[in-house]
Protein backbone atom coordinates (compact mmCIF):
# COMPACT_ATOMS: atom_id res chain seq x y z
CA UNK A 1 0.00 0.00 0.00
CA UNK A 2 1.39 3.39 -1.01
CA UNK A 3 2.46 5.68 1.79
CA UNK A 4 0.44 8.80 2.50
CA UNK A 5 1.99 12.25 2.20
CA UNK A 6 1.98 12.51 6.00
CA UNK A 7 3.85 9.20 6.32
CA UNK A 8 6.40 10.30 3.74
CA UNK A 9 6.98 13.62 5.51
CA UNK A 10 7.43 11.78 8.82
CA UNK A 11 10.00 9.53 7.15
CA UNK A 12 11.92 12.47 5.69
CA UNK A 13 11.99 14.12 9.11
CA UNK A 14 14.03 11.13 10.31
CA UNK A 15 16.74 11.77 7.69
CA UNK A 16 19.32 14.28 9.01
CA UNK A 17 19.85 15.76 5.53
CA UNK A 18 16.16 16.70 5.28
CA UNK A 19 15.12 17.11 8.91
CA UNK A 20 15.62 20.90 9.10
CA UNK A 21 13.79 21.75 5.86
CA UNK A 22 10.63 23.78 6.20
CA UNK A 23 7.34 22.08 5.39
CA UNK A 24 7.11 23.55 1.89
CA UNK A 25 10.56 22.21 0.96
CA UNK A 26 9.86 18.82 2.51
CA UNK A 27 6.73 18.61 0.38
CA UNK A 28 8.88 19.31 -2.68
CA UNK A 29 11.06 16.33 -1.76
CA UNK A 30 8.04 14.15 -1.03
CA UNK A 31 6.53 15.01 -4.42
CA UNK A 32 9.45 13.48 -6.36
CA UNK A 33 9.73 10.27 -4.33
CA UNK A 34 9.14 7.00 -6.15
CA UNK A 35 8.13 4.04 -3.94
CA UNK A 36 10.21 0.87 -4.25
CA UNK A 37 9.84 -2.57 -2.66
CA UNK A 38 12.45 -5.32 -2.37
CA UNK A 39 12.05 -8.92 -1.29
CA UNK A 40 14.44 -10.52 1.20
CA UNK A 41 17.71 -11.27 -0.61
CA UNK A 42 16.88 -9.06 -3.57
CA UNK A 43 19.66 -6.84 -4.89
CA UNK A 44 18.87 -3.13 -5.03
CA UNK A 45 21.96 -2.42 -7.13
CA UNK A 46 25.33 -4.07 -7.70
CA UNK A 47 28.87 -2.85 -7.31
CA UNK A 48 30.02 -1.16 -10.56
CA UNK A 49 26.45 -0.58 -11.77
CA UNK A 50 25.75 2.86 -13.17
CA UNK A 51 23.85 4.70 -10.47
CA UNK A 52 21.68 7.78 -10.47
CA UNK A 53 19.22 7.17 -7.63
CA UNK A 54 19.40 7.39 -3.88
CA UNK A 55 17.07 5.68 -1.43
CA UNK A 56 15.60 6.23 2.02
CA UNK A 57 14.60 3.05 3.84
CA UNK A 58 10.95 3.13 4.84
CA UNK A 59 10.69 -0.37 6.31
CA UNK A 60 12.97 -3.40 6.63
CA UNK A 61 16.76 -3.53 6.46
CA UNK A 62 19.33 -3.56 3.66
CA UNK A 63 23.11 -3.85 3.68
CA UNK A 64 26.00 -2.60 1.59
CA UNK A 65 28.55 -5.27 0.66
CA UNK A 66 31.92 -5.20 -1.10
CA UNK A 67 32.85 -8.40 -2.90
CA UNK A 68 36.30 -9.86 -3.60
CA UNK A 69 37.13 -11.72 -6.79
CA UNK A 70 37.67 -14.93 -4.78
CA UNK A 71 34.07 -14.88 -3.59
CA UNK A 72 34.63 -13.40 -0.16
CA UNK A 73 32.61 -10.36 0.86
CA UNK A 74 32.51 -7.86 3.68
CA UNK A 75 29.52 -5.90 4.92
CA UNK A 76 30.27 -2.19 5.01
CA UNK A 77 27.03 -0.97 6.56
CA UNK A 78 23.44 -1.87 7.28
CA UNK A 79 20.53 0.54 6.82
CA UNK A 80 17.16 0.58 8.55
CA UNK A 81 14.11 2.87 8.58
CA UNK A 82 15.12 6.51 8.15
CA UNK A 83 18.58 5.73 6.74
CA UNK A 84 19.64 7.02 3.33
CA UNK A 85 21.92 5.12 0.95
CA UNK A 86 23.13 5.39 -2.65
CA UNK A 87 23.59 9.13 -2.25
CA UNK A 88 27.24 8.97 -3.32
CA UNK A 89 25.99 8.80 -6.91
CA UNK A 90 24.63 12.31 -6.48
CA UNK A 91 28.14 13.76 -6.12
CA UNK A 92 30.08 12.11 -8.92
CA UNK A 93 29.66 10.07 -12.08
CA UNK A 94 31.44 7.00 -10.73
CA UNK A 95 29.74 3.63 -10.72
CA UNK A 96 28.27 2.11 -7.58
CA UNK A 97 30.98 1.47 -4.99
CA UNK A 98 29.18 -1.46 -3.32
CA UNK A 99 26.37 -3.94 -3.75
CA UNK A 100 23.23 -3.23 -1.73
CA UNK A 101 20.83 -6.07 -0.99
CA UNK A 102 17.74 -6.46 1.18
CA UNK A 103 18.19 -8.46 4.37
CA UNK A 104 14.41 -8.78 4.70
CA UNK A 105 11.32 -7.62 2.85
CA UNK A 106 11.90 -3.89 2.59
CA UNK A 107 10.33 -0.67 1.34
CA UNK A 108 12.23 2.40 0.22
CA UNK A 109 11.58 5.90 -1.04
CA UNK A 110 13.67 6.45 -4.18
CA UNK A 111 14.80 9.89 -5.32
CA UNK A 112 15.99 10.02 -8.92
CA UNK A 113 19.23 11.78 -9.78
CA UNK A 114 17.85 14.79 -11.67
CA UNK A 115 15.38 15.50 -8.86
CA UNK A 116 18.06 15.12 -6.19
CA UNK A 117 20.50 17.41 -7.99
CA UNK A 118 17.80 20.05 -8.35
CA UNK A 119 17.24 19.83 -4.59
CA UNK A 120 20.98 20.17 -3.97
CA UNK A 121 21.14 23.29 -6.15
CA UNK A 122 18.14 24.79 -4.39
CA UNK A 123 19.25 23.79 -0.89
CA UNK A 124 23.07 23.67 -0.59
CA UNK A 125 22.66 22.80 3.10
CA UNK A 126 21.31 19.39 2.04
CA UNK A 127 24.61 18.68 0.25
CA UNK A 128 26.58 19.66 3.34
CA UNK A 129 24.50 17.35 5.54
CA UNK A 130 24.80 14.47 3.11
CA UNK A 131 28.57 14.91 3.09
CA UNK A 132 28.57 14.90 6.90
CA UNK A 133 26.54 11.70 6.89
CA UNK A 134 28.97 10.12 4.42
CA UNK A 135 31.93 11.19 6.55
CA UNK A 136 30.34 9.71 9.66
CA UNK A 137 29.62 6.45 7.83
CA UNK A 138 33.24 6.31 6.64
CA UNK A 139 34.52 6.87 10.18
CA UNK A 140 32.23 4.15 11.54
CA UNK A 141 33.37 1.72 8.85
CA UNK A 142 37.04 2.47 9.52
CA UNK A 143 36.54 2.05 13.26
CA UNK A 144 34.70 -1.24 12.80
CA UNK A 145 37.35 -2.62 10.46
CA UNK A 146 40.14 -1.55 12.81
CA UNK A 147 38.32 -3.08 15.78
CA UNK A 148 37.67 -6.32 13.92
CA UNK A 149 41.33 -6.67 12.98
CA UNK A 150 42.18 -7.03 16.69
CA UNK A 151 39.14 -9.07 17.79
CA UNK A 152 38.59 -12.81 17.80
CA UNK A 153 35.74 -14.26 15.75
CA UNK A 154 33.69 -14.73 18.92
CA UNK A 155 34.16 -11.09 19.89
CA UNK A 156 33.26 -9.87 16.41
CA UNK A 157 30.08 -11.94 16.25
CA UNK A 158 29.07 -10.82 19.75
CA UNK A 159 29.67 -7.20 18.76
CA UNK A 160 27.54 -7.59 15.64
CA UNK A 161 24.71 -9.14 17.66
CA UNK A 162 24.92 -6.29 20.18
CA UNK A 163 24.66 -3.74 17.34
CA UNK A 164 21.65 -5.53 15.85
CA UNK A 165 19.99 -5.62 19.27
CA UNK A 166 20.56 -1.87 19.65
CA UNK A 167 19.04 -1.28 16.21
CA UNK A 168 16.02 -3.44 17.07
CA UNK A 169 15.51 -1.57 20.33
CA UNK A 170 15.60 1.75 18.49
CA UNK A 171 12.67 0.42 16.46
CA UNK A 172 10.65 -0.60 19.51
CA UNK A 173 12.01 -3.97 20.67
CA UNK A 174 12.05 -4.69 24.40
CA UNK A 175 14.97 -5.08 26.77
CA UNK A 176 14.99 -8.89 26.59
CA UNK A 177 14.05 -11.61 24.08
CA UNK A 178 15.00 -9.39 21.14
CA UNK A 179 14.21 -10.95 17.76
CA UNK A 180 16.95 -10.56 15.14
CA UNK A 181 16.13 -11.43 11.53
CA UNK A 182 19.42 -12.68 10.13
CA UNK A 183 20.92 -15.95 8.97
CA UNK A 184 24.22 -17.38 10.15
CA UNK A 185 25.68 -16.34 6.81
CA UNK A 186 24.42 -12.77 7.37
CA UNK A 187 26.05 -12.59 10.80
CA UNK A 188 29.28 -14.06 9.44
CA UNK A 189 29.47 -11.40 6.72
CA UNK A 190 28.77 -8.62 9.20
CA UNK A 191 31.50 -9.97 11.49
CA UNK A 192 33.97 -10.60 8.68
CA UNK A 193 34.27 -14.29 9.51
CA UNK A 194 33.49 -17.62 7.90
CA UNK A 195 30.00 -19.04 8.30
CA UNK A 196 31.45 -22.12 10.03
CA UNK A 197 33.25 -20.04 12.68
CA UNK A 198 30.17 -17.91 13.32
CA UNK A 199 28.00 -21.04 13.53
CA UNK A 200 30.26 -22.62 16.16
CA UNK A 201 30.14 -19.51 18.32
CA UNK A 202 26.36 -19.16 17.98
CA UNK A 203 26.08 -22.76 19.20
CA UNK A 204 28.11 -21.74 22.26
CA UNK A 205 25.75 -18.83 22.92
CA UNK A 206 22.74 -21.10 22.50
CA UNK A 207 24.07 -23.66 24.98
CA UNK A 208 24.67 -20.80 27.42
CA UNK A 209 21.06 -19.67 27.04
CA UNK A 210 22.00 -16.30 25.59
CA UNK A 211 20.27 -16.92 22.25
CA UNK A 212 17.86 -19.30 20.59
CA UNK A 213 18.34 -19.93 16.89
CA UNK A 214 15.61 -20.37 14.30
CA UNK A 215 15.46 -20.53 10.54
CA UNK A 216 16.76 -17.19 9.30
CA UNK A 217 16.39 -15.58 12.70
CA UNK A 218 17.47 -15.77 16.31
CA UNK A 219 16.28 -14.42 19.63
CA UNK A 220 18.71 -12.74 22.00
CA UNK A 221 17.29 -13.52 25.45
CA UNK A 222 19.82 -11.61 27.55
CA UNK A 223 21.60 -8.89 25.52
CA UNK A 224 23.63 -7.80 28.52
CA UNK A 225 25.49 -11.11 28.57
CA UNK A 226 26.82 -10.46 25.06
CA UNK A 227 29.18 -7.85 26.54
CA UNK A 228 31.01 -10.65 28.33
CA UNK A 229 32.08 -12.03 24.97
CA UNK A 230 33.35 -8.71 23.57
CA UNK A 231 37.03 -7.99 24.14
């Protein structure tokens, strides 16, 4: 079902680049939005694709992945409701720098390149805020990669689970028994480990009563205990 104008404006208010725009300007953004839906596992765009559209996540979660020629991949970032991605294409003519795929059934508000560039010309402050968001994302990625280089697999997987719990809580999940929609392969990619190593550690957590695994999902019963595995 298509989102109402009020729902779209509420979504845009969650995006730092648009949050300070006056109502008239927000309506101008809302008017050019094209709704998009993606099934779980569906690719939004691939690394090296030509790109001229950015997206704001309305519902669900997607992730940005860089792939190596030998088949290995690393997750650079995950995006949930209110997050913007693909905006790098608005600043240069380079091809997509990563593959973005849906982790679950997702909805997004797409803004086509010509419309976005017109907004940037009309509101230079949007460009500044987008650049700040990109800089923050780069810092977070660098910090995560640096942290992972010194962590064990167990610590990396525990850290990823803790981040997913925090994201779920920000969307209304409770303090305990937090449902995480992710496969073992998803968690392994986020942690930069093999699926086998991640699976072994998740089995340890399950025996300890910290999590319960299901098909394509798991429940974190006691998020606080994850901190004991992070070092």
